[in-house]
Amino acid sequence: MFNILLVPLDGSAQSVYVVDLASRVAVPGTATVHLLCVVDPSYALPPGSENGVAPDGLTYPPAQAQTSFARSVLAAAAAQLADRNLTVEQHFCAGNPADVVIEQARLLTAEVIVMGHHHLSRLRRWANPSTSGEVIDRSSCPVLIETRDKG
């Protein structure tokens, strides 16, 4: 059982299972579950543009859509954990997913990272390396992988 958990989520159907796994390995009453959603920096709104309008007065619909989606993923996961007697914090970051997960785990002194894994073909893995594989290779703390994609 763990007290400081980092749970990166991508909004796929598997996210429900990842959050469930995290709740099962967290110590009720004392654990803090840090939910994390990472977006591509090209689609991140600049600071101060929470309402969808950037400080320069322009709107960026794709960035607004990505930000809105990420925040809804975090809210859904927090709601899933609401009755589990856990402290839940939500984190939204921009960057390379594996880099951000590793850095957040270090900053939060995570005891474990709980994340999903998508089954990719060799070609897809070659073209777009596995985020979970990279996190496993680089993490200084244990990584629990949820492999269920659907019920």
C-alpha atoms as a PDB file:
ATOM      1  CA  MET A   1       0.000   0.000   0.000  1.00  0.00           C
ATOM      2  CA  PHE A   2       1.183   3.493  -0.886  1.00  0.00           C
ATOM      3  CA  ASN A   3       0.720   7.005   0.506  1.00  0.00           C
ATOM      4  CA  ILE A   4       1.872   9.197  -2.398  1.00  0.00           C
ATOM      5  CA  LEU A   5       0.612   8.053  -5.787  1.00  0.00           C
ATOM      6  CA  LEU A   6       1.040   9.693  -9.177  1.00  0.00           C
ATOM      7  CA  VAL A   7      -1.644   8.700 -11.668  1.00  0.00           C
ATOM      8  CA  PRO A   8      -1.090   9.958 -15.237  1.00  0.00           C
ATOM      9  CA  LEU A   9      -4.264   9.775 -17.334  1.00  0.00           C
ATOM     10  CA  ASP A  10      -4.826  10.118 -21.078  1.00  0.00           C
ATOM     11  CA  GLY A  11      -8.606  10.150 -21.154  1.00  0.00           C
ATOM     12  CA  SER A  12      -8.931   6.772 -22.861  1.00  0.00           C
ATOM     13  CA  ALA A  13     -11.512   4.218 -21.728  1.00  0.00           C
ATOM     14  CA  GLN A  14      -8.706   2.556 -19.779  1.00  0.00           C
ATOM     15  CA  SER A  15      -8.448   5.575 -17.442  1.00  0.00           C
ATOM     16  CA  VAL A  16     -11.337   4.256 -15.310  1.00  0.00           C
ATOM     17  CA  TYR A  17      -9.374   1.065 -14.651  1.00  0.00           C
ATOM     18  CA  VAL A  18      -6.173   2.976 -13.904  1.00  0.00           C
ATOM     19  CA  VAL A  19      -7.967   5.086 -11.288  1.00  0.00           C
ATOM     20  CA  ASP A  20      -9.553   1.945  -9.821  1.00  0.00           C
ATOM     21  CA  LEU A  21      -6.135   0.275  -9.511  1.00  0.00           C
ATOM     22  CA  ALA A  22      -4.725   3.374  -7.822  1.00  0.00           C
ATOM     23  CA  SER A  23      -7.581   3.387  -5.304  1.00  0.00           C
ATOM     24  CA  ARG A  24      -6.918  -0.261  -4.476  1.00  0.00           C
ATOM     25  CA  VAL A  25      -3.211   0.287  -3.683  1.00  0.00           C
ATOM     26  CA  ALA A  26      -3.616   3.602  -1.818  1.00  0.00           C
ATOM     27  CA  VAL A  27      -3.761   3.669   1.977  1.00  0.00           C
ATOM     28  CA  PRO A  28      -7.279   4.861   2.893  1.00  0.00           C
ATOM     29  CA  GLY A  29      -7.307   7.903   5.138  1.00  0.00           C
ATOM     30  CA  THR A  30      -3.676   8.910   4.610  1.00  0.00           C
ATOM     31  CA  ALA A  31      -2.843   8.586   0.911  1.00  0.00           C
ATOM     32  CA  THR A  32      -2.685  11.445  -1.559  1.00  0.00           C
ATOM     33  CA  VAL A  33      -3.492  10.560  -5.150  1.00  0.00           C
ATOM     34  CA  HIS A  34      -2.012  13.023  -7.623  1.00  0.00           C
ATOM     35  CA  LEU A  35      -3.958  12.873 -10.882  1.00  0.00           C
ATOM     36  CA  LEU A  36      -1.973  14.134 -13.872  1.00  0.00           C
ATOM     37  CA  CYS A  37      -2.992  15.045 -17.403  1.00  0.00           C
ATOM     38  CA  VAL A  38      -0.322  16.100 -19.898  1.00  0.00           C
ATOM     39  CA  VAL A  39      -0.997  17.904 -23.168  1.00  0.00           C
ATOM     40  CA  ASP A  40       1.273  18.633 -26.095  1.00  0.00           C
ATOM     41  CA  PRO A  41       2.870  22.069 -25.553  1.00  0.00           C
ATOM     42  CA  SER A  42       1.617  23.129 -28.995  1.00  0.00           C
ATOM     43  CA  TYR A  43      -1.929  22.761 -27.655  1.00  0.00           C
ATOM     44  CA  ALA A  44      -1.451  24.324 -24.245  1.00  0.00           C
ATOM     45  CA  LEU A  45      -3.023  27.669 -23.520  1.00  0.00           C
ATOM     46  CA  PRO A  46      -0.575  30.282 -22.253  1.00  0.00           C
ATOM     47  CA  PRO A  47      -0.760  31.160 -18.539  1.00  0.00           C
ATOM     48  CA  GLY A  48      -3.548  33.592 -17.773  1.00  0.00           C
ATOM     49  CA  SER A  49      -5.897  32.314 -20.479  1.00  0.00           C
ATOM     50  CA  GLU A  50      -8.138  30.108 -18.395  1.00  0.00           C
ATOM     51  CA  ASN A  51     -11.237  31.583 -20.058  1.00  0.00           C
ATOM     52  CA  GLY A  52      -9.987  30.611 -23.532  1.00  0.00           C
ATOM     53  CA  VAL A  53      -8.675  34.050 -24.460  1.00  0.00           C
ATOM     54  CA  ALA A  54      -4.902  34.445 -24.410  1.00  0.00           C
ATOM     55  CA  PRO A  55      -3.257  37.561 -22.923  1.00  0.00           C
ATOM     56  CA  ASP A  56      -2.713  38.770 -26.509  1.00  0.00           C
ATOM     57  CA  GLY A  57      -6.508  38.832 -26.967  1.00  0.00           C
ATOM     58  CA  LEU A  58      -6.564  35.918 -29.409  1.00  0.00           C
ATOM     59  CA  THR A  59      -8.445  32.674 -29.014  1.00  0.00           C
ATOM     60  CA  TYR A  60      -6.926  29.290 -29.732  1.00  0.00           C
ATOM     61  CA  PRO A  61      -9.788  26.780 -30.257  1.00  0.00           C
ATOM     62  CA  PRO A  62      -7.618  23.618 -30.539  1.00  0.00           C
ATOM     63  CA  ALA A  63      -5.713  24.563 -27.393  1.00  0.00           C
ATOM     64  CA  GLN A  64      -8.957  25.390 -25.618  1.00  0.00           C
ATOM     65  CA  ALA A  65     -10.393  22.012 -26.658  1.00  0.00           C
ATOM     66  CA  GLN A  66      -7.324  20.111 -25.388  1.00  0.00           C
ATOM     67  CA  THR A  67      -7.289  22.033 -22.112  1.00  0.00           C
ATOM     68  CA  SER A  68     -11.004  21.493 -21.614  1.00  0.00           C
ATOM     69  CA  PHE A  69     -10.690  17.770 -22.364  1.00  0.00           C
ATOM     70  CA  ALA A  70      -7.747  17.362 -19.961  1.00  0.00           C
ATOM     71  CA  ARG A  71      -9.585  19.169 -17.181  1.00  0.00           C
ATOM     72  CA  SER A  72     -12.681  16.989 -17.737  1.00  0.00           C
ATOM     73  CA  VAL A  73     -10.515  13.847 -17.519  1.00  0.00           C
ATOM     74  CA  LEU A  74      -9.099  15.057 -14.202  1.00  0.00           C
ATOM     75  CA  ALA A  75     -12.541  15.973 -12.865  1.00  0.00           C
ATOM     76  CA  ALA A  76     -13.985  12.572 -13.824  1.00  0.00           C
ATOM     77  CA  ALA A  77     -11.123  10.750 -12.117  1.00  0.00           C
ATOM     78  CA  ALA A  78     -11.466  12.900  -8.989  1.00  0.00           C
ATOM     79  CA  ALA A  79     -15.200  12.120  -8.923  1.00  0.00           C
ATOM     80  CA  GLN A  80     -14.405   8.402  -9.229  1.00  0.00           C
ATOM     81  CA  LEU A  81     -12.224   8.688  -6.115  1.00  0.00           C
ATOM     82  CA  ALA A  82     -14.599  10.946  -4.171  1.00  0.00           C
ATOM     83  CA  ASP A  83     -15.896   8.308  -1.764  1.00  0.00           C
ATOM     84  CA  ARG A  84     -12.643   6.393  -1.276  1.00  0.00           C
ATOM     85  CA  ASN A  85     -11.319   8.335   1.783  1.00  0.00           C
ATOM     86  CA  LEU A  86      -8.288   9.624  -0.172  1.00  0.00           C
ATOM     87  CA  THR A  87      -6.853  13.083  -0.672  1.00  0.00           C
ATOM     88  CA  VAL A  88      -6.946  13.876  -4.390  1.00  0.00           C
ATOM     89  CA  GLU A  89      -4.984  16.591  -6.187  1.00  0.00           C
ATOM     90  CA  GLN A  90      -5.265  17.436  -9.875  1.00  0.00           C
ATOM     91  CA  HIS A  91      -2.280  18.471 -12.002  1.00  0.00           C
ATOM     92  CA  PHE A  92      -2.394  19.758 -15.575  1.00  0.00           C
ATOM     93  CA  CYS A  93       0.921  20.143 -17.426  1.00  0.00           C
ATOM     94  CA  ALA A  94       2.226  20.637 -20.941  1.00  0.00           C
ATOM     95  CA  GLY A  95       5.199  18.762 -22.344  1.00  0.00           C
ATOM     96  CA  ASN A  96       6.419  15.363 -23.406  1.00  0.00           C
ATOM     97  CA  PRO A  97       4.281  12.919 -21.399  1.00  0.00           C
ATOM     98  CA  ALA A  98       7.113  10.656 -20.221  1.00  0.00           C
ATOM     99  CA  ASP A  99       9.317  13.610 -19.251  1.00  0.00           C
ATOM    100  CA  VAL A 100       6.487  15.279 -17.339  1.00  0.00           C
ATOM    101  CA  VAL A 101       5.524  12.073 -15.516  1.00  0.00           C
ATOM    102  CA  ILE A 102       9.122  11.458 -14.410  1.00  0.00           C
ATOM    103  CA  GLU A 103       9.569  15.084 -13.296  1.00  0.00           C
ATOM    104  CA  GLN A 104       6.255  15.180 -11.423  1.00  0.00           C
ATOM    105  CA  ALA A 105       7.070  11.896  -9.680  1.00  0.00           C
ATOM    106  CA  ARG A 106      10.338  13.429  -8.510  1.00  0.00           C
ATOM    107  CA  LEU A 107       8.765  16.725  -7.406  1.00  0.00           C
ATOM    108  CA  LEU A 108       5.931  14.998  -5.546  1.00  0.00           C
ATOM    109  CA  THR A 109       8.226  12.305  -4.095  1.00  0.00           C
ATOM    110  CA  ALA A 110       5.805   9.711  -5.420  1.00  0.00           C
ATOM    111  CA  GLU A 111       6.073   6.255  -3.928  1.00  0.00           C
ATOM    112  CA  VAL A 112       4.466   4.706  -7.010  1.00  0.00           C
ATOM    113  CA  ILE A 113       3.264   5.672 -10.476  1.00  0.00           C
ATOM    114  CA  VAL A 114       0.019   3.983 -11.550  1.00  0.00           C
ATOM    115  CA  MET A 115      -0.634   4.236 -15.276  1.00  0.00           C
ATOM    116  CA  GLY A 116      -2.110   2.505 -18.278  1.00  0.00           C
ATOM    117  CA  HIS A 117      -0.530   0.750 -21.212  1.00  0.00           C
ATOM    118  CA  HIS A 118      -1.868   0.539 -24.729  1.00  0.00           C
ATOM    119  CA  HIS A 119      -1.012  -2.523 -26.754  1.00  0.00           C
ATOM    120  CA  LEU A 120       0.774  -1.216 -29.857  1.00  0.00           C
ATOM    121  CA  SER A 121       2.024  -3.072 -32.879  1.00  0.00           C
ATOM    122  CA  ARG A 122       5.760  -3.099 -33.493  1.00  0.00           C
ATOM    123  CA  LEU A 123       5.359  -0.510 -36.231  1.00  0.00           C
ATOM    124  CA  ARG A 124       3.325   1.838 -34.046  1.00  0.00           C
ATOM    125  CA  ARG A 125       5.782   1.384 -31.167  1.00  0.00           C
ATOM    126  CA  TRP A 126       8.662   2.203 -33.504  1.00  0.00           C
ATOM    127  CA  ALA A 127       6.896   5.312 -34.860  1.00  0.00           C
ATOM    128  CA  ASN A 128       5.632   6.450 -31.459  1.00  0.00           C
ATOM    129  CA  PRO A 129       7.481   4.873 -28.516  1.00  0.00           C
ATOM    130  CA  SER A 130       5.470   3.715 -25.536  1.00  0.00           C
ATOM    131  CA  THR A 131       5.063   6.336 -22.827  1.00  0.00           C
ATOM    132  CA  SER A 132       4.644   3.669 -20.163  1.00  0.00           C
ATOM    133  CA  GLY A 133       7.747   1.850 -21.405  1.00  0.00           C
ATOM    134  CA  GLU A 134       9.789   5.019 -21.168  1.00  0.00           C
ATOM    135  CA  VAL A 135       8.448   5.765 -17.678  1.00  0.00           C
ATOM    136  CA  ILE A 136       9.283   2.232 -16.536  1.00  0.00           C
ATOM    137  CA  ASP A 137      12.827   2.611 -17.886  1.00  0.00           C
ATOM    138  CA  ARG A 138      13.436   6.012 -16.276  1.00  0.00           C
ATOM    139  CA  SER A 139      11.423   6.022 -13.053  1.00  0.00           C
ATOM    140  CA  SER A 140      13.150   5.937  -9.696  1.00  0.00           C
ATOM    141  CA  CYS A 141       9.983   4.597  -8.044  1.00  0.00           C
ATOM    142  CA  PRO A 142       7.853   1.523  -8.804  1.00  0.00           C
ATOM    143  CA  VAL A 143       5.433   1.707 -11.726  1.00  0.00           C
ATOM    144  CA  LEU A 144       2.162  -0.244 -11.685  1.00  0.00           C
ATOM    145  CA  ILE A 145       0.668  -0.830 -15.121  1.00  0.00           C
ATOM    146  CA  GLU A 146      -3.024  -1.416 -15.766  1.00  0.00           C
ATOM    147  CA  THR A 147      -3.442  -3.371 -18.995  1.00  0.00           C
ATOM    148  CA  ARG A 148      -7.230  -3.743 -19.156  1.00  0.00           C
ATOM    149  CA  ASP A 149      -8.581  -1.702 -22.048  1.00  0.00           C
ATOM    150  CA  LYS A 150     -12.267  -2.534 -21.718  1.00  0.00           C
ATOM    151  CA  GLY A 151     -14.618  -4.267 -19.319  1.00  0.00           C
END
